[in-house]
Amino acid sequence: MPESVYPSRTPDLTRRRKELAPETHEAFEHFSRQVFAEGALDQKTKQLIAVAVAHVTQCPYCIDGHTKQATRKGASPEEIMEAIWVAAEMRAGGAYAHSILALHALGEGEHQHPTT
């Protein structure tokens, strides 16, 4: 990720972000720790889900951080790539599924077409 487009999270910027909204910052940190804690899903699975979602939301910071976390939790490169492919299919599948809306807007569902 190019430095000019996505600045690194320097300690100064991280500290400043916390200073500007300390209560909200702490609430978010607590929420994040809780979400990624061991539960019905293990931490590796949660990180693989996060990798997939990060690719759909196209957050470069999330892609970087959660890919590293998934690896630390035991995910293999193959598992990470498979999660990314699941995300890609879901993103493409959403466009395909929503084509029904375009067909409806065209009036396709409002009448029967004669068969030829």
PDB file of N, CA and C in Angstrom:
ATOM      1  N   MET A   1       0.837  -1.164   0.000  1.00  0.00           N
ATOM      2  CA  MET A   1       0.000   0.000   0.000  1.00  0.00           C
ATOM      3  C   MET A   1       0.882   1.226   0.000  1.00  0.00           C
ATOM      4  N   PRO A   2       0.695   2.100  -0.962  1.00  0.00           N
ATOM      5  CA  PRO A   2       1.560   3.275  -1.092  1.00  0.00           C
ATOM      6  C   PRO A   2       1.427   4.211   0.104  1.00  0.00           C
ATOM      7  N   GLU A   3       2.561   4.655   0.602  1.00  0.00           N
ATOM      8  CA  GLU A   3       2.577   5.528   1.777  1.00  0.00           C
ATOM      9  C   GLU A   3       1.813   6.817   1.544  1.00  0.00           C
ATOM     10  N   SER A   4       1.878   7.364   0.336  1.00  0.00           N
ATOM     11  CA  SER A   4       1.222   8.646   0.062  1.00  0.00           C
ATOM     12  C   SER A   4      -0.302   8.542   0.107  1.00  0.00           C
ATOM     13  N   VAL A   5      -0.840   7.399  -0.208  1.00  0.00           N
ATOM     14  CA  VAL A   5      -2.285   7.214  -0.208  1.00  0.00           C
ATOM     15  C   VAL A   5      -2.779   6.740   1.158  1.00  0.00           C
ATOM     16  N   TYR A   6      -2.061   5.818   1.754  1.00  0.00           N
ATOM     17  CA  TYR A   6      -2.448   5.240   3.033  1.00  0.00           C
ATOM     18  C   TYR A   6      -1.324   5.463   4.040  1.00  0.00           C
ATOM     19  N   PRO A   7      -1.392   6.534   4.808  1.00  0.00           N
ATOM     20  CA  PRO A   7      -0.307   6.796   5.758  1.00  0.00           C
ATOM     21  C   PRO A   7      -0.228   5.695   6.807  1.00  0.00           C
ATOM     22  N   SER A   8       0.985   5.459   7.268  1.00  0.00           N
ATOM     23  CA  SER A   8       1.151   4.439   8.302  1.00  0.00           C
ATOM     24  C   SER A   8       0.556   4.928   9.607  1.00  0.00           C
ATOM     25  N   ARG A   9       0.219   3.991  10.433  1.00  0.00           N
ATOM     26  CA  ARG A   9      -0.337   4.320  11.749  1.00  0.00           C
ATOM     27  C   ARG A   9       0.825   4.560  12.707  1.00  0.00           C
ATOM     28  N   THR A  10       1.369   5.748  12.652  1.00  0.00           N
ATOM     29  CA  THR A  10       2.493   6.068  13.520  1.00  0.00           C
ATOM     30  C   THR A  10       2.013   6.179  14.959  1.00  0.00           C
ATOM     31  N   PRO A  11       2.923   5.979  15.913  1.00  0.00           N
ATOM     32  CA  PRO A  11       2.517   6.130  17.319  1.00  0.00           C
ATOM     33  C   PRO A  11       1.909   7.508  17.606  1.00  0.00           C
ATOM     34  N   ASP A  12       2.427   8.550  16.963  1.00  0.00           N
ATOM     35  CA  ASP A  12       1.879   9.894  17.185  1.00  0.00           C
ATOM     36  C   ASP A  12       0.437   9.999  16.713  1.00  0.00           C
ATOM     37  N   LEU A  13       0.143   9.468  15.532  1.00  0.00           N
ATOM     38  CA  LEU A  13      -1.226   9.528  15.007  1.00  0.00           C
ATOM     39  C   LEU A  13      -2.160   8.637  15.812  1.00  0.00           C
ATOM     40  N   THR A  14      -1.678   7.485  16.215  1.00  0.00           N
ATOM     41  CA  THR A  14      -2.497   6.584  17.025  1.00  0.00           C
ATOM     42  C   THR A  14      -2.827   7.229  18.370  1.00  0.00           C
ATOM     43  N   ARG A  15      -1.830   7.852  18.984  1.00  0.00           N
ATOM     44  CA  ARG A  15      -2.046   8.542  20.260  1.00  0.00           C
ATOM     45  C   ARG A  15      -3.020   9.695  20.085  1.00  0.00           C
ATOM     46  N   ARG A  16      -2.862  10.456  19.003  1.00  0.00           N
ATOM     47  CA  ARG A  16      -3.736  11.616  18.763  1.00  0.00           C
ATOM     48  C   ARG A  16      -5.179  11.177  18.546  1.00  0.00           C
ATOM     49  N   ARG A  17      -5.370  10.108  17.816  1.00  0.00           N
ATOM     50  CA  ARG A  17      -6.726   9.589  17.586  1.00  0.00           C
ATOM     51  C   ARG A  17      -7.392   9.264  18.918  1.00  0.00           C
ATOM     52  N   LYS A  18      -6.639   8.640  19.813  1.00  0.00           N
ATOM     53  CA  LYS A  18      -7.173   8.299  21.134  1.00  0.00           C
ATOM     54  C   LYS A  18      -7.465   9.556  21.950  1.00  0.00           C
ATOM     55  N   GLU A  19      -6.591  10.555  21.868  1.00  0.00           N
ATOM     56  CA  GLU A  19      -6.781  11.798  22.618  1.00  0.00           C
ATOM     57  C   GLU A  19      -8.037  12.549  22.198  1.00  0.00           C
ATOM     58  N   LEU A  20      -8.377  12.488  20.941  1.00  0.00           N
ATOM     59  CA  LEU A  20      -9.508  13.247  20.415  1.00  0.00           C
ATOM     60  C   LEU A  20     -10.864  12.697  20.860  1.00  0.00           C
ATOM     61  N   ALA A  21     -10.914  11.414  21.188  1.00  0.00           N
ATOM     62  CA  ALA A  21     -12.175  10.797  21.643  1.00  0.00           C
ATOM     63  C   ALA A  21     -11.842   9.602  22.529  1.00  0.00           C
ATOM     64  N   PRO A  22     -11.310   9.845  23.725  1.00  0.00           N
ATOM     65  CA  PRO A  22     -10.809   8.735  24.548  1.00  0.00           C
ATOM     66  C   PRO A  22     -11.862   7.715  24.964  1.00  0.00           C
ATOM     67  N   GLU A  23     -13.060   8.162  25.320  1.00  0.00           N
ATOM     68  CA  GLU A  23     -14.085   7.209  25.759  1.00  0.00           C
ATOM     69  C   GLU A  23     -14.546   6.325  24.597  1.00  0.00           C
ATOM     70  N   THR A  24     -14.742   6.951  23.464  1.00  0.00           N
ATOM     71  CA  THR A  24     -15.163   6.196  22.282  1.00  0.00           C
ATOM     72  C   THR A  24     -14.053   5.245  21.847  1.00  0.00           C
ATOM     73  N   HIS A  25     -12.829   5.720  21.903  1.00  0.00           N
ATOM     74  CA  HIS A  25     -11.687   4.875  21.543  1.00  0.00           C
ATOM     75  C   HIS A  25     -11.652   3.620  22.427  1.00  0.00           C
ATOM     76  N   GLU A  26     -11.779   3.806  23.723  1.00  0.00           N
ATOM     77  CA  GLU A  26     -11.737   2.673  24.647  1.00  0.00           C
ATOM     78  C   GLU A  26     -12.921   1.733  24.416  1.00  0.00           C
ATOM     79  N   ALA A  27     -14.096   2.304  24.159  1.00  0.00           N
ATOM     80  CA  ALA A  27     -15.274   1.467  23.889  1.00  0.00           C
ATOM     81  C   ALA A  27     -15.056   0.622  22.640  1.00  0.00           C
ATOM     82  N   PHE A  28     -14.475   1.223  21.608  1.00  0.00           N
ATOM     83  CA  PHE A  28     -14.218   0.479  20.377  1.00  0.00           C
ATOM     84  C   PHE A  28     -13.176  -0.609  20.620  1.00  0.00           C
ATOM     85  N   GLU A  29     -12.120  -0.291  21.346  1.00  0.00           N
ATOM     86  CA  GLU A  29     -11.086  -1.287  21.660  1.00  0.00           C
ATOM     87  C   GLU A  29     -11.690  -2.462  22.438  1.00  0.00           C
ATOM     88  N   HIS A  30     -12.540  -2.166  23.412  1.00  0.00           N
ATOM     89  CA  HIS A  30     -13.200  -3.220  24.202  1.00  0.00           C
ATOM     90  C   HIS A  30     -14.089  -4.084  23.292  1.00  0.00           C
ATOM     91  N   PHE A  31     -14.866  -3.416  22.445  1.00  0.00           N
ATOM     92  CA  PHE A  31     -15.734  -4.126  21.511  1.00  0.00           C
ATOM     93  C   PHE A  31     -14.915  -5.046  20.607  1.00  0.00           C
ATOM     94  N   SER A  32     -13.831  -4.534  20.069  1.00  0.00           N
ATOM     95  CA  SER A  32     -12.985  -5.324  19.179  1.00  0.00           C
ATOM     96  C   SER A  32     -12.398  -6.537  19.899  1.00  0.00           C
ATOM     97  N   ARG A  33     -11.890  -6.342  21.114  1.00  0.00           N
ATOM     98  CA  ARG A  33     -11.349  -7.472  21.884  1.00  0.00           C
ATOM     99  C   ARG A  33     -12.424  -8.533  22.114  1.00  0.00           C
ATOM    100  N   GLN A  34     -13.629  -8.091  22.429  1.00  0.00           N
ATOM    101  CA  GLN A  34     -14.727  -9.021  22.686  1.00  0.00           C
ATOM    102  C   GLN A  34     -15.112  -9.791  21.420  1.00  0.00           C
ATOM    103  N   VAL A  35     -15.212  -9.093  20.324  1.00  0.00           N
ATOM    104  CA  VAL A  35     -15.598  -9.723  19.051  1.00  0.00           C
ATOM    105  C   VAL A  35     -14.608 -10.804  18.644  1.00  0.00           C
ATOM    106  N   PHE A  36     -13.328 -10.529  18.802  1.00  0.00           N
ATOM    107  CA  PHE A  36     -12.311 -11.472  18.339  1.00  0.00           C
ATOM    108  C   PHE A  36     -11.856 -12.465  19.406  1.00  0.00           C
ATOM    109  N   ALA A  37     -12.487 -12.437  20.584  1.00  0.00           N
ATOM    110  CA  ALA A  37     -12.160 -13.403  21.632  1.00  0.00           C
ATOM    111  C   ALA A  37     -12.685 -14.783  21.248  1.00  0.00           C
ATOM    112  N   GLU A  38     -12.062 -15.793  21.824  1.00  0.00           N
ATOM    113  CA  GLU A  38     -12.523 -17.170  21.628  1.00  0.00           C
ATOM    114  C   GLU A  38     -13.976 -17.271  22.063  1.00  0.00           C
ATOM    115  N   GLY A  39     -14.790 -17.914  21.279  1.00  0.00           N
ATOM    116  CA  GLY A  39     -16.200 -18.080  21.602  1.00  0.00           C
ATOM    117  C   GLY A  39     -16.723 -19.298  20.871  1.00  0.00           C
ATOM    118  N   ALA A  40     -17.934 -19.211  20.358  1.00  0.00           N
ATOM    119  CA  ALA A  40     -18.484 -20.309  19.561  1.00  0.00           C
ATOM    120  C   ALA A  40     -17.608 -20.557  18.335  1.00  0.00           C
ATOM    121  N   LEU A  41     -16.989 -19.487  17.835  1.00  0.00           N
ATOM    122  CA  LEU A  41     -16.008 -19.606  16.748  1.00  0.00           C
ATOM    123  C   LEU A  41     -14.616 -19.416  17.335  1.00  0.00           C
ATOM    124  N   ASP A  42     -13.664 -20.195  16.843  1.00  0.00           N
ATOM    125  CA  ASP A  42     -12.296 -20.010  17.318  1.00  0.00           C
ATOM    126  C   ASP A  42     -11.690 -18.745  16.696  1.00  0.00           C
ATOM    127  N   GLN A  43     -10.593 -18.292  17.262  1.00  0.00           N
ATOM    128  CA  GLN A  43      -9.995 -17.032  16.823  1.00  0.00           C
ATOM    129  C   GLN A  43      -9.491 -17.091  15.385  1.00  0.00           C
ATOM    130  N   LYS A  44      -8.995 -18.225  14.948  1.00  0.00           N
ATOM    131  CA  LYS A  44      -8.533 -18.348  13.562  1.00  0.00           C
ATOM    132  C   LYS A  44      -9.701 -18.149  12.597  1.00  0.00           C
ATOM    133  N   THR A  45     -10.823 -18.785  12.885  1.00  0.00           N
ATOM    134  CA  THR A  45     -12.001 -18.645  12.022  1.00  0.00           C
ATOM    135  C   THR A  45     -12.468 -17.204  11.982  1.00  0.00           C
ATOM    136  N   LYS A  46     -12.495 -16.548  13.141  1.00  0.00           N
ATOM    137  CA  LYS A  46     -12.914 -15.148  13.186  1.00  0.00           C
ATOM    138  C   LYS A  46     -11.978 -14.269  12.351  1.00  0.00           C
ATOM    139  N   GLN A  47     -10.693 -14.554  12.408  1.00  0.00           N
ATOM    140  CA  GLN A  47      -9.747 -13.755  11.618  1.00  0.00           C
ATOM    141  C   GLN A  47      -9.900 -14.042  10.113  1.00  0.00           C
ATOM    142  N   LEU A  48     -10.203 -15.275   9.753  1.00  0.00           N
ATOM    143  CA  LEU A  48     -10.458 -15.586   8.336  1.00  0.00           C
ATOM    144  C   LEU A  48     -11.706 -14.864   7.841  1.00  0.00           C
ATOM    145  N   ILE A  49     -12.735 -14.797   8.673  1.00  0.00           N
ATOM    146  CA  ILE A  49     -13.933 -14.031   8.316  1.00  0.00           C
ATOM    147  C   ILE A  49     -13.556 -12.564   8.132  1.00  0.00           C
ATOM    148  N   ALA A  50     -12.740 -12.041   9.044  1.00  0.00           N
ATOM    149  CA  ALA A  50     -12.320 -10.643   8.960  1.00  0.00           C
ATOM    150  C   ALA A  50     -11.522 -10.379   7.682  1.00  0.00           C
ATOM    151  N   VAL A  51     -10.666 -11.311   7.293  1.00  0.00           N
ATOM    152  CA  VAL A  51      -9.913 -11.158   6.039  1.00  0.00           C
ATOM    153  C   VAL A  51     -10.876 -11.072   4.864  1.00  0.00           C
ATOM    154  N   ALA A  52     -11.863 -11.952   4.842  1.00  0.00           N
ATOM    155  CA  ALA A  52     -12.840 -11.947   3.750  1.00  0.00           C
ATOM    156  C   ALA A  52     -13.618 -10.638   3.718  1.00  0.00           C
ATOM    157  N   VAL A  53     -14.116 -10.215   4.858  1.00  0.00           N
ATOM    158  CA  VAL A  53     -14.897  -8.971   4.930  1.00  0.00           C
ATOM    159  C   VAL A  53     -14.029  -7.777   4.553  1.00  0.00           C
ATOM    160  N   ALA A  54     -12.788  -7.769   4.993  1.00  0.00           N
ATOM    161  CA  ALA A  54     -11.880  -6.669   4.665  1.00  0.00           C
ATOM    162  C   ALA A  54     -11.700  -6.527   3.159  1.00  0.00           C
ATOM    163  N   HIS A  55     -11.710  -7.646   2.451  1.00  0.00           N
ATOM    164  CA  HIS A  55     -11.595  -7.574   0.986  1.00  0.00           C
ATOM    165  C   HIS A  55     -12.880  -7.038   0.358  1.00  0.00           C
ATOM    166  N   VAL A  56     -14.027  -7.374   0.930  1.00  0.00           N
ATOM    167  CA  VAL A  56     -15.291  -6.850   0.406  1.00  0.00           C
ATOM    168  C   VAL A  56     -15.410  -5.359   0.692  1.00  0.00           C
ATOM    169  N   THR A  57     -15.007  -4.933   1.894  1.00  0.00           N
ATOM    170  CA  THR A  57     -15.081  -3.506   2.231  1.00  0.00           C
ATOM    171  C   THR A  57     -13.901  -2.734   1.656  1.00  0.00           C
ATOM    172  N   GLN A  58     -12.921  -3.449   1.156  1.00  0.00           N
ATOM    173  CA  GLN A  58     -11.729  -2.891   0.519  1.00  0.00           C
ATOM    174  C   GLN A  58     -10.963  -1.939   1.441  1.00  0.00           C
ATOM    175  N   CYS A  59     -10.803  -2.357   2.683  1.00  0.00           N
ATOM    176  CA  CYS A  59     -10.044  -1.592   3.670  1.00  0.00           C
ATOM    177  C   CYS A  59      -8.612  -2.116   3.698  1.00  0.00           C
ATOM    178  N   PRO A  60      -7.659  -1.352   3.178  1.00  0.00           N
ATOM    179  CA  PRO A  60      -6.283  -1.854   3.133  1.00  0.00           C
ATOM    180  C   PRO A  60      -5.678  -2.086   4.514  1.00  0.00           C
ATOM    181  N   TYR A  61      -6.042  -1.256   5.487  1.00  0.00           N
ATOM    182  CA  TYR A  61      -5.534  -1.459   6.839  1.00  0.00           C
ATOM    183  C   TYR A  61      -6.064  -2.770   7.416  1.00  0.00           C
ATOM    184  N   CYS A  62      -7.344  -3.038   7.187  1.00  0.00           N
ATOM    185  CA  CYS A  62      -7.966  -4.263   7.687  1.00  0.00           C
ATOM    186  C   CYS A  62      -7.396  -5.494   6.984  1.00  0.00           C
ATOM    187  N   ILE A  63      -7.187  -5.398   5.694  1.00  0.00           N
ATOM    188  CA  ILE A  63      -6.596  -6.517   4.948  1.00  0.00           C
ATOM    189  C   ILE A  63      -5.240  -6.851   5.541  1.00  0.00           C
ATOM    190  N   ASP A  64      -4.409  -5.841   5.735  1.00  0.00           N
ATOM    191  CA  ASP A  64      -3.074  -6.043   6.279  1.00  0.00           C
ATOM    192  C   ASP A  64      -3.133  -6.618   7.690  1.00  0.00           C
ATOM    193  N   GLY A  65      -3.858  -5.965   8.570  1.00  0.00           N
ATOM    194  CA  GLY A  65      -3.896  -6.376   9.967  1.00  0.00           C
ATOM    195  C   GLY A  65      -4.529  -7.734  10.192  1.00  0.00           C
ATOM    196  N   HIS A  66      -5.652  -7.999   9.546  1.00  0.00           N
ATOM    197  CA  HIS A  66      -6.340  -9.268   9.787  1.00  0.00           C
ATOM    198  C   HIS A  66      -5.662 -10.432   9.071  1.00  0.00           C
ATOM    199  N   THR A  67      -4.990 -10.181   7.954  1.00  0.00           N
ATOM    200  CA  THR A  67      -4.207 -11.242   7.316  1.00  0.00           C
ATOM    201  C   THR A  67      -3.068 -11.656   8.251  1.00  0.00           C
ATOM    202  N   LYS A  68      -2.403 -10.669   8.845  1.00  0.00           N
ATOM    203  CA  LYS A  68      -1.319 -10.978   9.790  1.00  0.00           C
ATOM    204  C   LYS A  68      -1.867 -11.698  11.021  1.00  0.00           C
ATOM    205  N   GLN A  69      -3.010 -11.240  11.536  1.00  0.00           N
ATOM    206  CA  GLN A  69      -3.609 -11.886  12.707  1.00  0.00           C
ATOM    207  C   GLN A  69      -4.050 -13.320  12.382  1.00  0.00           C
ATOM    208  N   ALA A  70      -4.627 -13.510  11.210  1.00  0.00           N
ATOM    209  CA  ALA A  70      -5.050 -14.861  10.816  1.00  0.00           C
ATOM    210  C   ALA A  70      -3.849 -15.799  10.780  1.00  0.00           C
ATOM    211  N   THR A  71      -2.734 -15.306  10.252  1.00  0.00           N
ATOM    212  CA  THR A  71      -1.511 -16.107  10.208  1.00  0.00           C
ATOM    213  C   THR A  71      -1.039 -16.434  11.625  1.00  0.00           C
ATOM    214  N   ARG A  72      -1.070 -15.437  12.510  1.00  0.00           N
ATOM    215  CA  ARG A  72      -0.659 -15.665  13.909  1.00  0.00           C
ATOM    216  C   ARG A  72      -1.561 -16.676  14.604  1.00  0.00           C
ATOM    217  N   LYS A  73      -2.819 -16.728  14.193  1.00  0.00           N
ATOM    218  CA  LYS A  73      -3.772 -17.672  14.806  1.00  0.00           C
ATOM    219  C   LYS A  73      -3.730 -19.037  14.140  1.00  0.00           C
ATOM    220  N   GLY A  74      -2.819 -19.214  13.165  1.00  0.00           N
ATOM    221  CA  GLY A  74      -2.621 -20.535  12.576  1.00  0.00           C
ATOM    222  C   GLY A  74      -3.167 -20.732  11.180  1.00  0.00           C
ATOM    223  N   ALA A  75      -3.704 -19.694  10.563  1.00  0.00           N
ATOM    224  CA  ALA A  75      -4.244 -19.844   9.205  1.00  0.00           C
ATOM    225  C   ALA A  75      -3.089 -19.970   8.200  1.00  0.00           C
ATOM    226  N   SER A  76      -3.273 -20.869   7.271  1.00  0.00           N
ATOM    227  CA  SER A  76      -2.278 -21.063   6.216  1.00  0.00           C
ATOM    228  C   SER A  76      -2.539 -20.069   5.083  1.00  0.00           C
ATOM    229  N   PRO A  77      -1.545 -19.837   4.239  1.00  0.00           N
ATOM    230  CA  PRO A  77      -1.788 -18.991   3.067  1.00  0.00           C
ATOM    231  C   PRO A  77      -2.939 -19.516   2.206  1.00  0.00           C
ATOM    232  N   GLU A  78      -3.077 -20.831   2.124  1.00  0.00           N
ATOM    233  CA  GLU A  78      -4.162 -21.421   1.334  1.00  0.00           C
ATOM    234  C   GLU A  78      -5.522 -21.097   1.948  1.00  0.00           C
ATOM    235  N   GLU A  79      -5.625 -21.171   3.272  1.00  0.00           N
ATOM    236  CA  GLU A  79      -6.886 -20.833   3.939  1.00  0.00           C
ATOM    237  C   GLU A  79      -7.225 -19.352   3.748  1.00  0.00           C
ATOM    238  N   ILE A  80      -6.220 -18.506   3.843  1.00  0.00           N
ATOM    239  CA  ILE A  80      -6.441 -17.068   3.654  1.00  0.00           C
ATOM    240  C   ILE A  80      -6.922 -16.792   2.241  1.00  0.00           C
ATOM    241  N   MET A  81      -6.276 -17.396   1.250  1.00  0.00           N
ATOM    242  CA  MET A  81      -6.683 -17.173  -0.138  1.00  0.00           C
ATOM    243  C   MET A  81      -8.069 -17.726  -0.401  1.00  0.00           C
ATOM    244  N   GLU A  82      -8.396 -18.870   0.205  1.00  0.00           N
ATOM    245  CA  GLU A  82      -9.734 -19.440   0.039  1.00  0.00           C
ATOM    246  C   GLU A  82     -10.791 -18.511   0.630  1.00  0.00           C
ATOM    247  N   ALA A  83     -10.499 -17.913   1.782  1.00  0.00           N
ATOM    248  CA  ALA A  83     -11.428 -16.939   2.385  1.00  0.00           C
ATOM    249  C   ALA A  83     -11.629 -15.745   1.452  1.00  0.00           C
ATOM    250  N   ILE A  84     -10.553 -15.306   0.817  1.00  0.00           N
ATOM    251  CA  ILE A  84     -10.649 -14.184  -0.129  1.00  0.00           C
ATOM    252  C   ILE A  84     -11.509 -14.567  -1.331  1.00  0.00           C
ATOM    253  N   TRP A  85     -11.373 -15.790  -1.813  1.00  0.00           N
ATOM    254  CA  TRP A  85     -12.201 -16.234  -2.932  1.00  0.00           C
ATOM    255  C   TRP A  85     -13.669 -16.336  -2.540  1.00  0.00           C
ATOM    256  N   VAL A  86     -13.947 -16.747  -1.310  1.00  0.00           N
ATOM    257  CA  VAL A  86     -15.337 -16.760  -0.830  1.00  0.00           C
ATOM    258  C   VAL A  86     -15.884 -15.336  -0.854  1.00  0.00           C
ATOM    259  N   ALA A  87     -15.092 -14.374  -0.391  1.00  0.00           N
ATOM    260  CA  ALA A  87     -15.515 -12.967  -0.409  1.00  0.00           C
ATOM    261  C   ALA A  87     -15.772 -12.500  -1.838  1.00  0.00           C
ATOM    262  N   ALA A  88     -14.892 -12.872  -2.749  1.00  0.00           N
ATOM    263  CA  ALA A  88     -15.054 -12.467  -4.149  1.00  0.00           C
ATOM    264  C   ALA A  88     -16.338 -13.033  -4.742  1.00  0.00           C
ATOM    265  N   GLU A  89     -16.630 -14.293  -4.430  1.00  0.00           N
ATOM    266  CA  GLU A  89     -17.856 -14.906  -4.950  1.00  0.00           C
ATOM    267  C   GLU A  89     -19.084 -14.226  -4.375  1.00  0.00           C
ATOM    268  N   MET A  90     -19.035 -13.909  -3.091  1.00  0.00           N
ATOM    269  CA  MET A  90     -20.172 -13.252  -2.456  1.00  0.00           C
ATOM    270  C   MET A  90     -20.396 -11.862  -3.041  1.00  0.00           C
ATOM    271  N   ARG A  91     -19.317 -11.150  -3.308  1.00  0.00           N
ATOM    272  CA  ARG A  91     -19.439  -9.808  -3.901  1.00  0.00           C
ATOM    273  C   ARG A  91     -20.034  -9.916  -5.307  1.00  0.00           C
ATOM    274  N   ALA A  92     -19.515 -10.848  -6.090  1.00  0.00           N
ATOM    275  CA  ALA A  92     -20.045 -11.049  -7.443  1.00  0.00           C
ATOM    276  C   ALA A  92     -21.465 -11.593  -7.390  1.00  0.00           C
ATOM    277  N   GLY A  93     -21.708 -12.483  -6.450  1.00  0.00           N
ATOM    278  CA  GLY A  93     -23.046 -13.060  -6.295  1.00  0.00           C
ATOM    279  C   GLY A  93     -24.080 -12.013  -5.950  1.00  0.00           C
ATOM    280  N   GLY A  94     -23.684 -11.014  -5.178  1.00  0.00           N
ATOM    281  CA  GLY A  94     -24.600  -9.922  -4.838  1.00  0.00           C
ATOM    282  C   GLY A  94     -25.029  -9.162  -6.072  1.00  0.00           C
ATOM    283  N   ALA A  95     -24.082  -8.884  -6.954  1.00  0.00           N
ATOM    284  CA  ALA A  95     -24.416  -8.186  -8.202  1.00  0.00           C
ATOM    285  C   ALA A  95     -25.355  -9.042  -9.050  1.00  0.00           C
ATOM    286  N   TYR A  96     -25.053 -10.317  -9.136  1.00  0.00           N
ATOM    287  CA  TYR A  96     -25.890 -11.233  -9.907  1.00  0.00           C
ATOM    288  C   TYR A  96     -27.305 -11.303  -9.315  1.00  0.00           C
ATOM    289  N   ALA A  97     -27.399 -11.472  -8.000  1.00  0.00           N
ATOM    290  CA  ALA A  97     -28.706 -11.582  -7.349  1.00  0.00           C
ATOM    291  C   ALA A  97     -29.524 -10.305  -7.524  1.00  0.00           C
ATOM    292  N   HIS A  98     -28.857  -9.159  -7.443  1.00  0.00           N
ATOM    293  CA  HIS A  98     -29.564  -7.887  -7.558  1.00  0.00           C
ATOM    294  C   HIS A  98     -29.971  -7.553  -8.997  1.00  0.00           C
ATOM    295  N   SER A  99     -29.547  -8.358  -9.957  1.00  0.00           N
ATOM    296  CA  SER A  99     -29.992  -8.132 -11.337  1.00  0.00           C
ATOM    297  C   SER A  99     -31.502  -8.253 -11.439  1.00  0.00           C
ATOM    298  N   ILE A 100     -32.113  -8.955 -10.499  1.00  0.00           N
ATOM    299  CA  ILE A 100     -33.573  -9.063 -10.448  1.00  0.00           C
ATOM    300  C   ILE A 100     -34.195  -7.674 -10.321  1.00  0.00           C
ATOM    301  N   LEU A 101     -33.538  -6.784  -9.561  1.00  0.00           N
ATOM    302  CA  LEU A 101     -34.051  -5.417  -9.408  1.00  0.00           C
ATOM    303  C   LEU A 101     -34.072  -4.688 -10.742  1.00  0.00           C
ATOM    304  N   ALA A 102     -33.010  -4.872 -11.536  1.00  0.00           N
ATOM    305  CA  ALA A 102     -32.982  -4.243 -12.861  1.00  0.00           C
ATOM    306  C   ALA A 102     -34.075  -4.815 -13.757  1.00  0.00           C
ATOM    307  N   LEU A 103     -34.255  -6.123 -13.711  1.00  0.00           N
ATOM    308  CA  LEU A 103     -35.306  -6.738 -14.520  1.00  0.00           C
ATOM    309  C   LEU A 103     -36.680  -6.239 -14.100  1.00  0.00           C
ATOM    310  N   HIS A 104     -36.880  -6.096 -12.792  1.00  0.00           N
ATOM    311  CA  HIS A 104     -38.145  -5.571 -12.299  1.00  0.00           C
ATOM    312  C   HIS A 104     -38.346  -4.135 -12.783  1.00  0.00           C
ATOM    313  N   ALA A 105     -37.291  -3.308 -12.718  1.00  0.00           N
ATOM    314  CA  ALA A 105     -37.379  -1.919 -13.174  1.00  0.00           C
ATOM    315  C   ALA A 105     -37.712  -1.840 -14.661  1.00  0.00           C
ATOM    316  N   LEU A 106     -37.283  -2.842 -15.414  1.00  0.00           N
ATOM    317  CA  LEU A 106     -37.591  -2.894 -16.845  1.00  0.00           C
ATOM    318  C   LEU A 106     -38.993  -3.426 -17.119  1.00  0.00           C
ATOM    319  N   GLY A 107     -39.679  -3.808 -16.053  1.00  0.00           N
ATOM    320  CA  GLY A 107     -41.027  -4.333 -16.218  1.00  0.00           C
ATOM    321  C   GLY A 107     -41.063  -5.791 -16.606  1.00  0.00           C
ATOM    322  N   GLU A 108     -39.952  -6.478 -16.466  1.00  0.00           N
ATOM    323  CA  GLU A 108     -39.867  -7.875 -16.883  1.00  0.00           C
ATOM    324  C   GLU A 108     -40.749  -8.796 -16.058  1.00  0.00           C
ATOM    325  N   GLY A 109     -40.991  -8.488 -14.801  1.00  0.00           N
ATOM    326  CA  GLY A 109     -41.765  -9.383 -13.967  1.00  0.00           C
ATOM    327  C   GLY A 109     -43.246  -9.090 -13.995  1.00  0.00           C
ATOM    328  N   GLU A 110     -43.650  -8.058 -14.712  1.00  0.00           N
ATOM    329  CA  GLU A 110     -45.033  -7.609 -14.661  1.00  0.00           C
ATOM    330  C   GLU A 110     -45.932  -8.290 -15.697  1.00  0.00           C
ATOM    331  N   HIS A 111     -45.333  -8.916 -16.668  1.00  0.00           N
ATOM    332  CA  HIS A 111     -46.154  -9.597 -17.669  1.00  0.00           C
ATOM    333  C   HIS A 111     -45.433 -10.817 -18.195  1.00  0.00           C
ATOM    334  N   GLN A 112     -46.185 -11.714 -18.756  1.00  0.00           N
ATOM    335  CA  GLN A 112     -45.658 -12.936 -19.329  1.00  0.00           C
ATOM    336  C   GLN A 112     -45.150 -12.657 -20.732  1.00  0.00           C
ATOM    337  N   HIS A 113     -43.960 -13.138 -21.030  1.00  0.00           N
ATOM    338  CA  HIS A 113     -43.456 -13.046 -22.398  1.00  0.00           C
ATOM    339  C   HIS A 113     -43.912 -14.272 -23.180  1.00  0.00           C
ATOM    340  N   PRO A 114     -44.356 -14.076 -24.403  1.00  0.00           N
ATOM    341  CA  PRO A 114     -44.752 -15.245 -25.183  1.00  0.00           C
ATOM    342  C   PRO A 114     -43.534 -16.114 -25.484  1.00  0.00           C
ATOM    343  N   THR A 115     -43.718 -17.419 -25.446  1.00  0.00           N
ATOM    344  CA  THR A 115     -42.615 -18.320 -25.773  1.00  0.00           C
ATOM    345  C   THR A 115     -42.560 -18.476 -27.279  1.00  0.00           C
ATOM    346  N   THR A 116     -41.344 -18.536 -27.780  1.00  0.00           N
ATOM    347  CA  THR A 116     -41.174 -18.702 -29.235  1.00  0.00           C
ATOM    348  C   THR A 116     -40.487 -19.988 -29.548  1.00  0.00           C
TER     349      THR A 116
END
